[in-house]
Amino acid sequence: MSATYRFLAEFAQSWGLVYFVTVFMIVVAYALWPSNKQKFDEASRMPLRED
């Protein structure tokens, strides 16, 4: 039973790292994508608007 736990722990650690690095890269690419610039610029000015 210990070998099964060890295998699952190593699998989760290695593939979990790969998963989170991939998600991070996708989020960064989305934030820096040129077509999203106008949307993010407008969102950054929202707190300063006096409606």
N, C-alpha and C. Protein backbone atom coordinates (compact mmCIF):
# COMPACT_ATOMS: atom_id res chain seq x y z
N MET A 1 0.83 -1.20 0.00
CA MET A 1 0.00 0.00 0.00
C MET A 1 0.87 1.26 0.00
N SER A 2 2.01 1.20 0.61
CA SER A 2 2.89 2.35 0.68
C SER A 2 3.43 2.73 -0.70
N ALA A 3 3.68 1.72 -1.54
CA ALA A 3 4.19 2.00 -2.88
C ALA A 3 3.13 2.73 -3.71
N THR A 4 1.88 2.38 -3.52
CA THR A 4 0.81 3.06 -4.26
C THR A 4 0.72 4.53 -3.84
N TYR A 5 0.81 4.77 -2.54
CA TYR A 5 0.76 6.15 -2.07
C TYR A 5 1.95 6.94 -2.60
N ARG A 6 3.12 6.35 -2.55
CA ARG A 6 4.33 7.03 -3.03
C ARG A 6 4.20 7.35 -4.51
N PHE A 7 3.70 6.40 -5.29
CA PHE A 7 3.52 6.63 -6.73
C PHE A 7 2.54 7.77 -6.97
N LEU A 8 1.42 7.74 -6.27
CA LEU A 8 0.42 8.80 -6.46
C LEU A 8 0.96 10.17 -6.02
N ALA A 9 1.72 10.20 -4.95
CA ALA A 9 2.29 11.47 -4.48
C ALA A 9 3.28 12.02 -5.50
N GLU A 10 4.14 11.18 -6.02
CA GLU A 10 5.11 11.64 -7.02
C GLU A 10 4.42 12.06 -8.31
N PHE A 11 3.42 11.32 -8.71
CA PHE A 11 2.66 11.67 -9.92
C PHE A 11 1.98 13.03 -9.76
N ALA A 12 1.34 13.23 -8.61
CA ALA A 12 0.63 14.50 -8.37
C ALA A 12 1.60 15.67 -8.30
N GLN A 13 2.76 15.45 -7.70
CA GLN A 13 3.73 16.55 -7.59
C GLN A 13 4.29 16.93 -8.95
N SER A 14 4.66 15.97 -9.74
CA SER A 14 5.29 16.29 -11.02
C SER A 14 4.26 16.84 -12.01
N TRP A 15 3.15 16.17 -12.17
CA TRP A 15 2.16 16.64 -13.14
C TRP A 15 1.40 17.85 -12.63
N GLY A 16 1.29 18.00 -11.33
CA GLY A 16 0.69 19.22 -10.78
C GLY A 16 1.53 20.44 -11.12
N LEU A 17 2.84 20.29 -11.03
CA LEU A 17 3.74 21.39 -11.39
C LEU A 17 3.59 21.72 -12.87
N VAL A 18 3.57 20.72 -13.72
CA VAL A 18 3.40 20.95 -15.15
C VAL A 18 2.07 21.65 -15.43
N TYR A 19 1.01 21.21 -14.76
CA TYR A 19 -0.32 21.80 -14.94
C TYR A 19 -0.32 23.29 -14.54
N PHE A 20 0.22 23.61 -13.37
CA PHE A 20 0.19 25.00 -12.91
C PHE A 20 1.10 25.91 -13.72
N VAL A 21 2.22 25.40 -14.19
CA VAL A 21 3.08 26.20 -15.06
C VAL A 21 2.37 26.48 -16.38
N THR A 22 1.66 25.49 -16.91
CA THR A 22 0.91 25.68 -18.15
C THR A 22 -0.20 26.71 -17.97
N VAL A 23 -0.94 26.60 -16.88
CA VAL A 23 -2.01 27.57 -16.62
C VAL A 23 -1.42 28.97 -16.46
N PHE A 24 -0.29 29.10 -15.76
CA PHE A 24 0.35 30.40 -15.59
C PHE A 24 0.74 31.00 -16.93
N MET A 25 1.31 30.18 -17.81
CA MET A 25 1.72 30.67 -19.13
C MET A 25 0.50 31.12 -19.94
N ILE A 26 -0.60 30.41 -19.85
CA ILE A 26 -1.81 30.81 -20.57
C ILE A 26 -2.35 32.13 -20.04
N VAL A 27 -2.35 32.30 -18.74
CA VAL A 27 -2.84 33.55 -18.14
C VAL A 27 -1.96 34.72 -18.54
N VAL A 28 -0.66 34.54 -18.52
CA VAL A 28 0.26 35.62 -18.92
C VAL A 28 0.07 35.96 -20.39
N ALA A 29 -0.07 34.94 -21.24
CA ALA A 29 -0.28 35.19 -22.67
C ALA A 29 -1.59 35.94 -22.88
N TYR A 30 -2.64 35.59 -22.15
CA TYR A 30 -3.92 36.29 -22.27
C TYR A 30 -3.79 37.75 -21.84
N ALA A 31 -3.08 37.98 -20.75
CA ALA A 31 -2.94 39.35 -20.25
C ALA A 31 -2.10 40.22 -21.17
N LEU A 32 -1.15 39.63 -21.87
CA LEU A 32 -0.26 40.41 -22.73
C LEU A 32 -0.67 40.39 -24.20
N TRP A 33 -1.76 39.70 -24.53
CA TRP A 33 -2.20 39.62 -25.93
C TRP A 33 -2.58 41.02 -26.41
N PRO A 34 -2.08 41.44 -27.57
CA PRO A 34 -2.32 42.82 -28.05
C PRO A 34 -3.80 43.19 -28.19
N SER A 35 -4.65 42.27 -28.57
CA SER A 35 -6.06 42.62 -28.77
C SER A 35 -6.78 42.88 -27.45
N ASN A 36 -6.20 42.51 -26.31
CA ASN A 36 -6.82 42.74 -25.00
C ASN A 36 -6.37 44.06 -24.37
N LYS A 37 -5.46 44.77 -25.01
CA LYS A 37 -4.89 45.98 -24.42
C LYS A 37 -5.96 47.03 -24.12
N GLN A 38 -6.84 47.29 -25.06
CA GLN A 38 -7.86 48.32 -24.84
C GLN A 38 -8.77 47.96 -23.67
N LYS A 39 -9.16 46.71 -23.59
CA LYS A 39 -10.04 46.27 -22.51
C LYS A 39 -9.37 46.45 -21.15
N PHE A 40 -8.10 46.08 -21.04
CA PHE A 40 -7.39 46.21 -19.77
C PHE A 40 -7.07 47.66 -19.44
N ASP A 41 -6.80 48.48 -20.45
CA ASP A 41 -6.57 49.90 -20.19
C ASP A 41 -7.82 50.56 -19.64
N GLU A 42 -8.97 50.23 -20.21
CA GLU A 42 -10.23 50.79 -19.71
C GLU A 42 -10.52 50.30 -18.29
N ALA A 43 -10.27 49.03 -18.03
CA ALA A 43 -10.49 48.48 -16.69
C ALA A 43 -9.57 49.13 -15.66
N SER A 44 -8.37 49.50 -16.06
CA SER A 44 -7.45 50.13 -15.12
C SER A 44 -7.88 51.55 -14.75
N ARG A 45 -8.67 52.19 -15.61
CA ARG A 45 -9.14 53.54 -15.31
C ARG A 45 -10.49 53.57 -14.59
N MET A 46 -11.13 52.44 -14.41
CA MET A 46 -12.45 52.40 -13.78
C MET A 46 -12.49 53.01 -12.39
N PRO A 47 -11.52 52.72 -11.52
CA PRO A 47 -11.61 53.32 -10.16
C PRO A 47 -11.49 54.84 -10.14
N LEU A 48 -10.94 55.43 -11.19
CA LEU A 48 -10.73 56.87 -11.21
C LEU A 48 -11.91 57.63 -11.80
N ARG A 49 -12.86 56.91 -12.38
CA ARG A 49 -14.02 57.58 -12.97
C ARG A 49 -14.97 58.09 -11.89
N GLU A 50 -15.54 59.23 -12.15
CA GLU A 50 -16.56 59.78 -11.25
C GLU A 50 -17.88 59.78 -11.99
N ASP A 51 -18.65 58.73 -11.76
CA ASP A 51 -19.95 58.60 -12.47
C ASP A 51 -21.04 59.33 -11.76
